[in-house]
PDB file of N, CA and C in Angstrom:
ATOM      1  N   UNK A   1      33.997  35.751-180.259  1.00  0.00           N
ATOM      2  CA  UNK A   1      33.710  34.443-179.696  1.00  0.00           C
ATOM      3  C   UNK A   1      34.292  34.379-178.291  1.00  0.00           C
ATOM      4  N   UNK A   2      33.515  33.860-177.364  1.00  0.00           N
ATOM      5  CA  UNK A   2      33.973  33.725-175.977  1.00  0.00           C
ATOM      6  C   UNK A   2      34.562  32.339-175.787  1.00  0.00           C
ATOM      7  N   UNK A   3      35.683  32.260-175.170  1.00  0.00           N
ATOM      8  CA  UNK A   3      36.314  30.990-174.867  1.00  0.00           C
ATOM      9  C   UNK A   3      36.833  31.058-173.446  1.00  0.00           C
ATOM     10  N   UNK A   4      37.066  29.897-172.848  1.00  0.00           N
ATOM     11  CA  UNK A   4      37.544  29.900-171.463  1.00  0.00           C
ATOM     12  C   UNK A   4      38.874  30.635-171.357  1.00  0.00           C
ATOM     13  N   UNK A   5      38.973  31.483-170.364  1.00  0.00           N
ATOM     14  CA  UNK A   5      40.190  32.240-170.148  1.00  0.00           C
ATOM     15  C   UNK A   5      40.712  31.933-168.753  1.00  0.00           C
ATOM     16  N   UNK A   6      41.979  32.215-168.520  1.00  0.00           N
ATOM     17  CA  UNK A   6      42.508  31.985-167.186  1.00  0.00           C
ATOM     18  C   UNK A   6      41.758  32.818-166.156  1.00  0.00           C
ATOM     19  N   UNK A   7      41.789  32.365-164.911  1.00  0.00           N
ATOM     20  CA  UNK A   7      41.048  33.019-163.842  1.00  0.00           C
ATOM     21  C   UNK A   7      41.483  34.468-163.651  1.00  0.00           C
ATOM     22  N   UNK A   8      42.735  34.771-163.880  1.00  0.00           N
ATOM     23  CA  UNK A   8      43.237  36.122-163.647  1.00  0.00           C
ATOM     24  C   UNK A   8      42.660  37.130-164.631  1.00  0.00           C
ATOM     25  N   UNK A   9      42.225  36.695-165.806  1.00  0.00           N
ATOM     26  CA  UNK A   9      41.786  37.631-166.840  1.00  0.00           C
ATOM     27  C   UNK A   9      40.291  37.927-166.789  1.00  0.00           C
ATOM     28  N   UNK A  10      39.521  37.262-165.922  1.00  0.00           N
ATOM     29  CA  UNK A  10      38.073  37.452-165.950  1.00  0.00           C
ATOM     30  C   UNK A  10      37.669  38.857-165.526  1.00  0.00           C
ATOM     31  N   UNK A  11      38.317  39.409-164.519  1.00  0.00           N
ATOM     32  CA  UNK A  11      37.921  40.756-164.084  1.00  0.00           C
ATOM     33  C   UNK A  11      38.273  41.789-165.153  1.00  0.00           C
ATOM     34  N   UNK A  12      39.395  41.624-165.817  1.00  0.00           N
ATOM     35  CA  UNK A  12      39.769  42.558-166.874  1.00  0.00           C
ATOM     36  C   UNK A  12      38.801  42.448-168.055  1.00  0.00           C
ATOM     37  N   UNK A  13      38.407  41.243-168.400  1.00  0.00           N
ATOM     38  CA  UNK A  13      37.464  41.043-169.496  1.00  0.00           C
ATOM     39  C   UNK A  13      36.109  41.653-169.163  1.00  0.00           C
ATOM     40  N   UNK A  14      35.640  41.410-167.953  1.00  0.00           N
ATOM     41  CA  UNK A  14      34.346  41.965-167.560  1.00  0.00           C
ATOM     42  C   UNK A  14      34.394  43.492-167.512  1.00  0.00           C
ATOM     43  N   UNK A  15      35.507  44.055-167.066  1.00  0.00           N
ATOM     44  CA  UNK A  15      35.641  45.514-167.029  1.00  0.00           C
ATOM     45  C   UNK A  15      35.556  46.089-168.435  1.00  0.00           C
ATOM     46  N   UNK A  16      36.222  45.436-169.391  1.00  0.00           N
ATOM     47  CA  UNK A  16      36.186  45.909-170.778  1.00  0.00           C
ATOM     48  C   UNK A  16      34.769  45.816-171.340  1.00  0.00           C
ATOM     49  N   UNK A  17      34.065  44.736-171.026  1.00  0.00           N
ATOM     50  CA  UNK A  17      32.694  44.567-171.521  1.00  0.00           C
ATOM     51  C   UNK A  17      31.785  45.653-170.946  1.00  0.00           C
ATOM     52  N   UNK A  18      31.853  45.880-169.632  1.00  0.00           N
ATOM     53  CA  UNK A  18      31.008  46.903-169.013  1.00  0.00           C
ATOM     54  C   UNK A  18      31.305  48.292-169.589  1.00  0.00           C
ATOM     55  N   UNK A  19      32.568  48.623-169.719  1.00  0.00           N
ATOM     56  CA  UNK A  19      32.930  49.948-170.245  1.00  0.00           C
ATOM     57  C   UNK A  19      32.475  50.099-171.693  1.00  0.00           C
ATOM     58  N   UNK A  20      32.657  49.063-172.497  1.00  0.00           N
ATOM     59  CA  UNK A  20      32.264  49.125-173.907  1.00  0.00           C
ATOM     60  C   UNK A  20      30.757  49.254-174.065  1.00  0.00           C
ATOM     61  N   UNK A  21      30.003  48.416-173.354  1.00  0.00           N
ATOM     62  CA  UNK A  21      28.539  48.478-173.461  1.00  0.00           C
ATOM     63  C   UNK A  21      28.026  49.820-172.964  1.00  0.00           C
ATOM     64  N   UNK A  22      28.566  50.298-171.848  1.00  0.00           N
ATOM     65  CA  UNK A  22      28.136  51.590-171.317  1.00  0.00           C
ATOM     66  C   UNK A  22      28.456  52.736-172.253  1.00  0.00           C
ATOM     67  N   UNK A  23      29.641  52.720-172.850  1.00  0.00           N
ATOM     68  CA  UNK A  23      30.028  53.801-173.764  1.00  0.00           C
ATOM     69  C   UNK A  23      29.172  53.788-175.023  1.00  0.00           C
ATOM     70  N   UNK A  24      28.935  52.605-175.593  1.00  0.00           N
ATOM     71  CA  UNK A  24      28.085  52.527-176.787  1.00  0.00           C
ATOM     72  C   UNK A  24      26.651  52.956-176.479  1.00  0.00           C
ATOM     73  N   UNK A  25      26.163  52.578-175.288  1.00  0.00           N
ATOM     74  CA  UNK A  25      24.814  52.986-174.902  1.00  0.00           C
ATOM     75  C   UNK A  25      24.729  54.509-174.795  1.00  0.00           C
ATOM     76  N   UNK A  26      25.753  55.123-174.232  1.00  0.00           N
ATOM     77  CA  UNK A  26      25.760  56.581-174.098  1.00  0.00           C
ATOM     78  C   UNK A  26      25.873  57.275-175.455  1.00  0.00           C
ATOM     79  N   UNK A  27      26.698  56.741-176.337  1.00  0.00           N
ATOM     80  CA  UNK A  27      26.863  57.363-177.659  1.00  0.00           C
ATOM     81  C   UNK A  27      25.540  57.364-178.414  1.00  0.00           C
ATOM     82  N   UNK A  28      24.860  56.219-178.469  1.00  0.00           N
ATOM     83  CA  UNK A  28      23.616  56.148-179.229  1.00  0.00           C
ATOM     84  C   UNK A  28      22.495  56.910-178.542  1.00  0.00           C
ATOM     85  N   UNK A  29      22.546  57.011-177.226  1.00  0.00           N
ATOM     86  CA  UNK A  29      21.542  57.812-176.525  1.00  0.00           C
ATOM     87  C   UNK A  29      21.718  59.291-176.840  1.00  0.00           C
ATOM     88  N   UNK A  30      22.952  59.765-176.863  1.00  0.00           N
ATOM     89  CA  UNK A  30      23.200  61.166-177.201  1.00  0.00           C
ATOM     90  C   UNK A  30      22.786  61.444-178.649  1.00  0.00           C
ATOM     91  N   UNK A  31      23.068  60.505-179.550  1.00  0.00           N
ATOM     92  CA  UNK A  31      22.652  60.684-180.950  1.00  0.00           C
ATOM     93  C   UNK A  31      21.133  60.794-181.025  1.00  0.00           C
ATOM     94  N   UNK A  32      20.420  59.950-180.308  1.00  0.00           N
ATOM     95  CA  UNK A  32      18.956  59.996-180.336  1.00  0.00           C
ATOM     96  C   UNK A  32      18.447  61.274-179.676  1.00  0.00           C
ATOM     97  N   UNK A  33      19.107  61.732-178.614  1.00  0.00           N
ATOM     98  CA  UNK A  33      18.719  62.975-177.942  1.00  0.00           C
ATOM     99  C   UNK A  33      18.877  64.166-178.896  1.00  0.00           C
ATOM    100  N   UNK A  34      19.998  64.183-179.637  1.00  0.00           N
ATOM    101  CA  UNK A  34      20.209  65.256-180.619  1.00  0.00           C
ATOM    102  C   UNK A  34      19.122  65.205-181.700  1.00  0.00           C
ATOM    103  N   UNK A  35      18.781  64.001-182.133  1.00  0.00           N
ATOM    104  CA  UNK A  35      17.714  63.843-183.121  1.00  0.00           C
ATOM    105  C   UNK A  35      16.382  64.364-182.579  1.00  0.00           C
ATOM    106  N   UNK A  36      16.073  64.033-181.318  1.00  0.00           N
ATOM    107  CA  UNK A  36      14.810  64.476-180.723  1.00  0.00           C
ATOM    108  C   UNK A  36      14.758  65.993-180.574  1.00  0.00           C
ATOM    109  N   UNK A  37      15.890  66.619-180.318  1.00  0.00           N
ATOM    110  CA  UNK A  37      15.916  68.070-180.164  1.00  0.00           C
ATOM    111  C   UNK A  37      15.572  68.773-181.483  1.00  0.00           C
ATOM    112  N   UNK A  38      15.840  68.110-182.590  1.00  0.00           N
ATOM    113  CA  UNK A  38      15.522  68.700-183.897  1.00  0.00           C
ATOM    114  C   UNK A  38      14.094  68.443-184.336  1.00  0.00           C
ATOM    115  N   UNK A  39      13.390  67.541-183.669  1.00  0.00           N
ATOM    116  CA  UNK A  39      12.006  67.217-184.028  1.00  0.00           C
ATOM    117  C   UNK A  39      11.054  68.270-183.474  1.00  0.00           C
ATOM    118  N   UNK A  40       9.854  68.251-183.981  1.00  0.00           N
ATOM    119  CA  UNK A  40       8.792  69.124-183.466  1.00  0.00           C
ATOM    120  C   UNK A  40       8.453  68.658-182.054  1.00  0.00           C
ATOM    121  N   UNK A  41       8.601  69.551-181.074  1.00  0.00           N
ATOM    122  CA  UNK A  41       8.446  69.161-179.674  1.00  0.00           C
ATOM    123  C   UNK A  41       7.005  68.826-179.304  1.00  0.00           C
ATOM    124  N   UNK A  42       6.066  69.191-180.125  1.00  0.00           N
ATOM    125  CA  UNK A  42       4.670  68.842-179.819  1.00  0.00           C
ATOM    126  C   UNK A  42       4.397  67.370-180.097  1.00  0.00           C
ATOM    127  N   UNK A  43       5.197  66.743-180.949  1.00  0.00           N
ATOM    128  CA  UNK A  43       4.981  65.331-181.268  1.00  0.00           C
ATOM    129  C   UNK A  43       5.805  64.401-180.368  1.00  0.00           C
ATOM    130  N   UNK A  44       6.782  64.943-179.634  1.00  0.00           N
ATOM    131  CA  UNK A  44       7.642  64.124-178.780  1.00  0.00           C
ATOM    132  C   UNK A  44       7.062  64.125-177.378  1.00  0.00           C
ATOM    133  N   UNK A  45       6.798  62.930-176.838  1.00  0.00           N
ATOM    134  CA  UNK A  45       6.216  62.863-175.494  1.00  0.00           C
ATOM    135  C   UNK A  45       7.315  62.966-174.433  1.00  0.00           C
ATOM    136  N   UNK A  46       6.884  63.281-173.225  1.00  0.00           N
ATOM    137  CA  UNK A  46       7.842  63.403-172.124  1.00  0.00           C
ATOM    138  C   UNK A  46       8.401  62.042-171.727  1.00  0.00           C
ATOM    139  N   UNK A  47       7.657  60.964-171.971  1.00  0.00           N
ATOM    140  CA  UNK A  47       8.181  59.631-171.644  1.00  0.00           C
ATOM    141  C   UNK A  47       9.337  59.258-172.568  1.00  0.00           C
ATOM    142  N   UNK A  48       9.357  59.821-173.770  1.00  0.00           N
ATOM    143  CA  UNK A  48      10.485  59.562-174.670  1.00  0.00           C
ATOM    144  C   UNK A  48      11.762  60.107-174.060  1.00  0.00           C
ATOM    145  N   UNK A  49      11.686  61.329-173.519  1.00  0.00           N
ATOM    146  CA  UNK A  49      12.861  61.894-172.861  1.00  0.00           C
ATOM    147  C   UNK A  49      13.214  61.122-171.588  1.00  0.00           C
ATOM    148  N   UNK A  50      12.212  60.603-170.908  1.00  0.00           N
ATOM    149  CA  UNK A  50      12.477  59.774-169.731  1.00  0.00           C
ATOM    150  C   UNK A  50      13.326  58.559-170.111  1.00  0.00           C
ATOM    151  N   UNK A  51      12.965  57.917-171.227  1.00  0.00           N
ATOM    152  CA  UNK A  51      13.735  56.764-171.696  1.00  0.00           C
ATOM    153  C   UNK A  51      15.150  57.171-172.118  1.00  0.00           C
ATOM    154  N   UNK A  52      15.265  58.300-172.780  1.00  0.00           N
ATOM    155  CA  UNK A  52      16.575  58.774-173.230  1.00  0.00           C
ATOM    156  C   UNK A  52      17.479  59.026-172.029  1.00  0.00           C
ATOM    157  N   UNK A  53      16.964  59.745-171.032  1.00  0.00           N
ATOM    158  CA  UNK A  53      17.772  60.030-169.843  1.00  0.00           C
ATOM    159  C   UNK A  53      18.077  58.747-169.067  1.00  0.00           C
ATOM    160  N   UNK A  54      17.109  57.838-169.017  1.00  0.00           N
ATOM    161  CA  UNK A  54      17.331  56.567-168.326  1.00  0.00           C
ATOM    162  C   UNK A  54      18.444  55.756-168.970  1.00  0.00           C
ATOM    163  N   UNK A  55      18.419  55.665-170.309  1.00  0.00           N
ATOM    164  CA  UNK A  55      19.481  54.930-170.997  1.00  0.00           C
ATOM    165  C   UNK A  55      20.834  55.619-170.856  1.00  0.00           C
ATOM    166  N   UNK A  56      20.832  56.948-170.887  1.00  0.00           N
ATOM    167  CA  UNK A  56      22.096  57.666-170.757  1.00  0.00           C
ATOM    168  C   UNK A  56      22.738  57.395-169.391  1.00  0.00           C
ATOM    169  N   UNK A  57      21.954  57.562-168.336  1.00  0.00           N
ATOM    170  CA  UNK A  57      22.532  57.357-167.002  1.00  0.00           C
ATOM    171  C   UNK A  57      22.811  55.885-166.710  1.00  0.00           C
ATOM    172  N   UNK A  58      22.058  54.978-167.323  1.00  0.00           N
ATOM    173  CA  UNK A  58      22.382  53.551-167.186  1.00  0.00           C
ATOM    174  C   UNK A  58      23.728  53.245-167.831  1.00  0.00           C
ATOM    175  N   UNK A  59      23.992  53.873-168.973  1.00  0.00           N
ATOM    176  CA  UNK A  59      25.302  53.709-169.607  1.00  0.00           C
ATOM    177  C   UNK A  59      26.420  54.259-168.748  1.00  0.00           C
ATOM    178  N   UNK A  60      26.159  55.397-168.093  1.00  0.00           N
ATOM    179  CA  UNK A  60      27.168  55.969-167.193  1.00  0.00           C
ATOM    180  C   UNK A  60      27.450  55.024-166.018  1.00  0.00           C
ATOM    181  N   UNK A  61      26.390  54.420-165.479  1.00  0.00           N
ATOM    182  CA  UNK A  61      26.563  53.482-164.361  1.00  0.00           C
ATOM    183  C   UNK A  61      27.349  52.256-164.815  1.00  0.00           C
ATOM    184  N   UNK A  62      27.047  51.742-165.999  1.00  0.00           N
ATOM    185  CA  UNK A  62      27.798  50.587-166.505  1.00  0.00           C
ATOM    186  C   UNK A  62      29.283  50.927-166.671  1.00  0.00           C
ATOM    187  N   UNK A  63      29.562  52.117-167.156  1.00  0.00           N
ATOM    188  CA  UNK A  63      30.968  52.514-167.297  1.00  0.00           C
ATOM    189  C   UNK A  63      31.627  52.640-165.930  1.00  0.00           C
ATOM    190  N   UNK A  64      30.921  53.178-164.948  1.00  0.00           N
ATOM    191  CA  UNK A  64      31.482  53.296-163.600  1.00  0.00           C
ATOM    192  C   UNK A  64      31.755  51.919-163.003  1.00  0.00           C
ATOM    193  N   UNK A  65      30.844  50.975-163.231  1.00  0.00           N
ATOM    194  CA  UNK A  65      31.067  49.603-162.759  1.00  0.00           C
ATOM    195  C   UNK A  65      32.292  49.021-163.448  1.00  0.00           C
ATOM    196  N   UNK A  66      32.436  49.256-164.740  1.00  0.00           N
ATOM    197  CA  UNK A  66      33.600  48.745-165.473  1.00  0.00           C
ATOM    198  C   UNK A  66      34.902  49.312-164.950  1.00  0.00           C
ATOM    199  N   UNK A  67      34.930  50.631-164.690  1.00  0.00           N
ATOM    200  CA  UNK A  67      36.147  51.224-164.142  1.00  0.00           C
ATOM    201  C   UNK A  67      36.434  50.686-162.742  1.00  0.00           C
ATOM    202  N   UNK A  68      35.372  50.481-161.954  1.00  0.00           N
ATOM    203  CA  UNK A  68      35.551  49.914-160.617  1.00  0.00           C
ATOM    204  C   UNK A  68      36.064  48.487-160.673  1.00  0.00           C
ATOM    205  N   UNK A  69      35.534  47.695-161.604  1.00  0.00           N
ATOM    206  CA  UNK A  69      36.011  46.316-161.757  1.00  0.00           C
ATOM    207  C   UNK A  69      37.469  46.292-162.186  1.00  0.00           C
ATOM    208  N   UNK A  70      37.857  47.218-163.029  1.00  0.00           N
ATOM    209  CA  UNK A  70      39.258  47.275-163.454  1.00  0.00           C
ATOM    210  C   UNK A  70      40.176  47.543-162.282  1.00  0.00           C
ATOM    211  N   UNK A  71      39.788  48.470-161.421  1.00  0.00           N
ATOM    212  CA  UNK A  71      40.600  48.795-160.245  1.00  0.00           C
ATOM    213  C   UNK A  71      40.653  47.609-159.280  1.00  0.00           C
ATOM    214  N   UNK A  72      39.499  46.998-159.026  1.00  0.00           N
ATOM    215  CA  UNK A  72      39.458  45.845-158.123  1.00  0.00           C
ATOM    216  C   UNK A  72      40.231  44.680-158.722  1.00  0.00           C
ATOM    217  N   UNK A  73      40.111  44.490-160.039  1.00  0.00           N
ATOM    218  CA  UNK A  73      40.819  43.389-160.694  1.00  0.00           C
ATOM    219  C   UNK A  73      42.328  43.535-160.609  1.00  0.00           C
ATOM    220  N   UNK A  74      42.825  44.759-160.753  1.00  0.00           N
ATOM    221  CA  UNK A  74      44.270  44.967-160.624  1.00  0.00           C
ATOM    222  C   UNK A  74      44.738  44.660-159.211  1.00  0.00           C
ATOM    223  N   UNK A  75      43.946  45.041-158.228  1.00  0.00           N
ATOM    224  CA  UNK A  75      44.314  44.755-156.840  1.00  0.00           C
ATOM    225  C   UNK A  75      44.275  43.263-156.559  1.00  0.00           C
ATOM    226  N   UNK A  76      43.259  42.595-157.078  1.00  0.00           N
ATOM    227  CA  UNK A  76      43.137  41.153-156.847  1.00  0.00           C
ATOM    228  C   UNK A  76      44.223  40.385-157.585  1.00  0.00           C
ATOM    229  N   UNK A  77      44.631  40.866-158.747  1.00  0.00           N
ATOM    230  CA  UNK A  77      45.670  40.178-159.517  1.00  0.00           C
ATOM    231  C   UNK A  77      46.983  40.163-158.751  1.00  0.00           C
ATOM    232  N   UNK A  78      47.297  41.275-158.078  1.00  0.00           N
ATOM    233  CA  UNK A  78      48.519  41.313-157.283  1.00  0.00           C
ATOM    234  C   UNK A  78      48.454  40.288-156.167  1.00  0.00           C
ATOM    235  N   UNK A  79      47.281  40.104-155.572  1.00  0.00           N
ATOM    236  CA  UNK A  79      47.143  39.130-154.490  1.00  0.00           C
ATOM    237  C   UNK A  79      47.216  37.704-155.025  1.00  0.00           C
ATOM    238  N   UNK A  80      46.675  37.442-156.222  1.00  0.00           N
ATOM    239  CA  UNK A  80      46.692  36.099-156.792  1.00  0.00           C
ATOM    240  C   UNK A  80      48.090  35.694-157.232  1.00  0.00           C
ATOM    241  N   UNK A  81      48.830  36.621-157.785  1.00  0.00           N
ATOM    242  CA  UNK A  81      50.127  36.300-158.364  1.00  0.00           C
ATOM    243  C   UNK A  81      51.205  36.188-157.299  1.00  0.00           C
ATOM    244  N   UNK A  82      51.068  36.939-156.213  1.00  0.00           N
ATOM    245  CA  UNK A  82      52.112  36.909-155.187  1.00  0.00           C
ATOM    246  C   UNK A  82      52.194  35.527-154.531  1.00  0.00           C
ATOM    247  N   UNK A  83      53.360  35.244-153.973  1.00  0.00           N
ATOM    248  CA  UNK A  83      53.597  33.945-153.355  1.00  0.00           C
ATOM    249  C   UNK A  83      52.771  33.811-152.082  1.00  0.00           C
ATOM    250  N   UNK A  84      52.375  32.578-151.747  1.00  0.00           N
ATOM    251  CA  UNK A  84      51.628  32.386-150.509  1.00  0.00           C
ATOM    252  C   UNK A  84      52.521  32.660-149.299  1.00  0.00           C
ATOM    253  N   UNK A  85      51.922  32.961-148.148  1.00  0.00           N
ATOM    254  CA  UNK A  85      52.734  33.234-146.966  1.00  0.00           C
ATOM    255  C   UNK A  85      53.526  31.996-146.571  1.00  0.00           C
ATOM    256  N   UNK A  86      54.710  32.180-145.959  1.00  0.00           N
ATOM    257  CA  UNK A  86      55.518  31.019-145.589  1.00  0.00           C
ATOM    258  C   UNK A  86      54.816  30.186-144.525  1.00  0.00           C
ATOM    259  N   UNK A  87      55.024  28.895-144.608  1.00  0.00           N
ATOM    260  CA  UNK A  87      54.415  27.960-143.658  1.00  0.00           C
ATOM    261  C   UNK A  87      55.185  28.003-142.345  1.00  0.00           C
ATOM    262  N   UNK A  88      54.460  27.852-141.243  1.00  0.00           N
ATOM    263  CA  UNK A  88      55.127  27.767-139.950  1.00  0.00           C
ATOM    264  C   UNK A  88      55.741  26.385-139.822  1.00  0.00           C
ATOM    265  N   UNK A  89      56.933  26.335-139.288  1.00  0.00           N
ATOM    266  CA  UNK A  89      57.582  25.042-139.116  1.00  0.00           C
ATOM    267  C   UNK A  89      57.165  24.446-137.781  1.00  0.00           C
ATOM    268  N   UNK A  90      56.772  23.196-137.830  1.00  0.00           N
ATOM    269  CA  UNK A  90      56.391  22.488-136.613  1.00  0.00           C
ATOM    270  C   UNK A  90      57.656  21.994-135.925  1.00  0.00           C
ATOM    271  N   UNK A  91      57.701  22.038-134.592  1.00  0.00           N
ATOM    272  CA  UNK A  91      58.885  21.548-133.890  1.00  0.00           C
ATOM    273  C   UNK A  91      59.026  20.033-134.053  1.00  0.00           C
ATOM    274  N   UNK A  92      60.248  19.603-134.178  1.00  0.00           N
ATOM    275  CA  UNK A  92      60.505  18.167-134.289  1.00  0.00           C
ATOM    276  C   UNK A  92      60.617  17.564-132.894  1.00  0.00           C
ATOM    277  N   UNK A  93      60.629  16.257-132.816  1.00  0.00           N
ATOM    278  CA  UNK A  93      60.718  15.574-131.519  1.00  0.00           C
ATOM    279  C   UNK A  93      62.028  15.954-130.833  1.00  0.00           C
ATOM    280  N   UNK A  94      61.949  16.294-129.573  1.00  0.00           N
ATOM    281  CA  UNK A  94      63.126  16.651-128.804  1.00  0.00           C
ATOM    282  C   UNK A  94      63.484  18.119-128.873  1.00  0.00           C
ATOM    283  N   UNK A  95      62.789  18.873-129.666  1.00  0.00           N
ATOM    284  CA  UNK A  95      63.069  20.298-129.800  1.00  0.00           C
ATOM    285  C   UNK A  95      62.208  21.065-128.791  1.00  0.00           C
ATOM    286  N   UNK A  96      62.814  21.964-128.056  1.00  0.00           N
ATOM    287  CA  UNK A  96      62.104  22.732-127.038  1.00  0.00           C
ATOM    288  C   UNK A  96      61.596  24.026-127.663  1.00  0.00           C
ATOM    289  N   UNK A  97      60.302  24.294-127.452  1.00  0.00           N
ATOM    290  CA  UNK A  97      59.687  25.501-127.973  1.00  0.00           C
ATOM    291  C   UNK A  97      59.344  26.395-126.787  1.00  0.00           C
ATOM    292  N   UNK A  98      59.862  27.612-126.745  1.00  0.00           N
ATOM    293  CA  UNK A  98      59.537  28.480-125.616  1.00  0.00           C
ATOM    294  C   UNK A  98      58.063  28.883-125.641  1.00  0.00           C
ATOM    295  N   UNK A  99      57.446  28.893-124.477  1.00  0.00           N
ATOM    296  CA  UNK A  99      56.045  29.286-124.357  1.00  0.00           C
ATOM    297  C   UNK A  99      55.951  30.802-124.430  1.00  0.00           C
ATOM    298  N   UNK A 100      54.887  31.313-125.024  1.00  0.00           N
ATOM    299  CA  UNK A 100      54.727  32.763-125.080  1.00  0.00           C
ATOM    300  C   UNK A 100      54.507  33.323-123.669  1.00  0.00           C
ATOM    301  N   UNK A 101      55.109  34.454-123.406  1.00  0.00           N
ATOM    302  CA  UNK A 101      55.006  35.091-122.103  1.00  0.00           C
ATOM    303  C   UNK A 101      54.008  36.234-122.209  1.00  0.00           C
ATOM    304  N   UNK A 102      53.023  36.218-121.304  1.00  0.00           N
ATOM    305  CA  UNK A 102      52.025  37.283-121.303  1.00  0.00           C
ATOM    306  C   UNK A 102      52.610  38.524-120.655  1.00  0.00           C
ATOM    307  N   UNK A 103      52.456  39.635-121.314  1.00  0.00           N
ATOM    308  CA  UNK A 103      52.941  40.895-120.782  1.00  0.00           C
ATOM    309  C   UNK A 103      51.812  41.552-119.996  1.00  0.00           C
ATOM    310  N   UNK A 104      52.084  42.004-118.752  1.00  0.00           N
ATOM    311  CA  UNK A 104      51.017  42.648-117.982  1.00  0.00           C
ATOM    312  C   UNK A 104      50.627  43.995-118.600  1.00  0.00           C
ATOM    313  N   UNK A 105      49.364  44.280-118.503  1.00  0.00           N
ATOM    314  CA  UNK A 105      48.841  45.541-119.010  1.00  0.00           C
ATOM    315  C   UNK A 105      48.972  46.576-117.908  1.00  0.00           C
ATOM    316  N   UNK A 106      49.243  47.795-118.280  1.00  0.00           N
ATOM    317  CA  UNK A 106      49.363  48.842-117.272  1.00  0.00           C
ATOM    318  C   UNK A 106      48.039  48.987-116.538  1.00  0.00           C
ATOM    319  N   UNK A 107      48.065  49.199-115.281  1.00  0.00           N
ATOM    320  CA  UNK A 107      46.852  49.327-114.477  1.00  0.00           C
ATOM    321  C   UNK A 107      46.770  48.151-113.522  1.00  0.00           C
ATOM    322  N   UNK A 108      45.706  47.392-113.578  1.00  0.00           N
ATOM    323  CA  UNK A 108      45.541  46.224-112.714  1.00  0.00           C
ATOM    324  C   UNK A 108      46.436  45.094-113.186  1.00  0.00           C
ATOM    325  N   UNK A 109      47.046  44.360-112.263  1.00  0.00           N
ATOM    326  CA  UNK A 109      47.823  43.198-112.672  1.00  0.00           C
ATOM    327  C   UNK A 109      46.887  42.136-113.247  1.00  0.00           C
ATOM    328  N   UNK A 110      47.410  41.263-114.097  1.00  0.00           N
ATOM    329  CA  UNK A 110      46.537  40.255-114.710  1.00  0.00           C
ATOM    330  C   UNK A 110      45.955  39.310-113.663  1.00  0.00           C
ATOM    331  N   UNK A 111      44.693  38.988-113.845  1.00  0.00           N
ATOM    332  CA  UNK A 111      44.044  38.018-112.970  1.00  0.00           C
ATOM    333  C   UNK A 111      43.483  38.615-111.702  1.00  0.00           C
ATOM    334  N   UNK A 112      43.582  39.912-111.509  1.00  0.00           N
ATOM    335  CA  UNK A 112      43.065  40.534-110.295  1.00  0.00           C
ATOM    336  C   UNK A 112      41.890  41.413-110.688  1.00  0.00           C
ATOM    337  N   UNK A 113      40.745  41.120-110.094  1.00  0.00           N
ATOM    338  CA  UNK A 113      39.549  41.903-110.362  1.00  0.00           C
ATOM    339  C   UNK A 113      39.431  42.999-109.315  1.00  0.00           C
ATOM    340  N   UNK A 114      38.818  44.107-109.642  1.00  0.00           N
ATOM    341  CA  UNK A 114      38.636  45.154-108.638  1.00  0.00           C
ATOM    342  C   UNK A 114      37.706  44.681-107.531  1.00  0.00           C
ATOM    343  N   UNK A 115      37.968  45.120-106.333  1.00  0.00           N
ATOM    344  CA  UNK A 115      37.162  44.729-105.185  1.00  0.00           C
ATOM    345  C   UNK A 115      35.817  45.419-105.228  1.00  0.00           C
ATOM    346  N   UNK A 116      34.753  44.635-104.956  1.00  0.00           N
ATOM    347  CA  UNK A 116      33.405  45.153-104.919  1.00  0.00           C
ATOM    348  C   UNK A 116      32.811  44.820-103.572  1.00  0.00           C
ATOM    349  N   UNK A 117      32.285  45.829-102.864  1.00  0.00           N
ATOM    350  CA  UNK A 117      31.679  45.554-101.566  1.00  0.00           C
ATOM    351  C   UNK A 117      30.193  45.320-101.762  1.00  0.00           C
ATOM    352  N   UNK A 118      29.680  44.284-101.109  1.00  0.00           N
ATOM    353  CA  UNK A 118      28.284  43.926-101.208  1.00  0.00           C
ATOM    354  C   UNK A 118      27.616  44.276 -99.868  1.00  0.00           C
ATOM    355  N   UNK A 119      26.556  45.079 -99.849  1.00  0.00           N
ATOM    356  CA  UNK A 119      25.888  45.391 -98.576  1.00  0.00           C
ATOM    357  C   UNK A 119      25.169  44.172 -98.017  1.00  0.00           C
ATOM    358  N   UNK A 120      25.160  44.032 -96.637  1.00  0.00           N
ATOM    359  CA  UNK A 120      24.493  42.889 -96.008  1.00  0.00           C
ATOM    360  C   UNK A 120      23.190  43.275 -95.441  1.00  0.00           C
TER     361      UNK A 120
END
């Protein structure tokens, strides 16, 4: 039964679902492939194998998505749980705040453009 879960657990839940569905899809596809290999090959069409391979690789993709979601979810959980960045304190009345000083870049001094001669 599905019930509302905290926001932090959704990525972990989805990762488990993707991995489980993908693994079960692959298991039953391999079982069917083994069954088809034992059948008379003249009665098995090539589209049957197309479906078998399609389901197998779809299961692999679902498992890869699940593993990727698990990795992303762990990274996101660390960001959600950590404390927010500290707030900047606003200066109070009468408090002097030093202005930022621009540092000149090596080469041309700030505010000076290179000279360009225009022909007359």
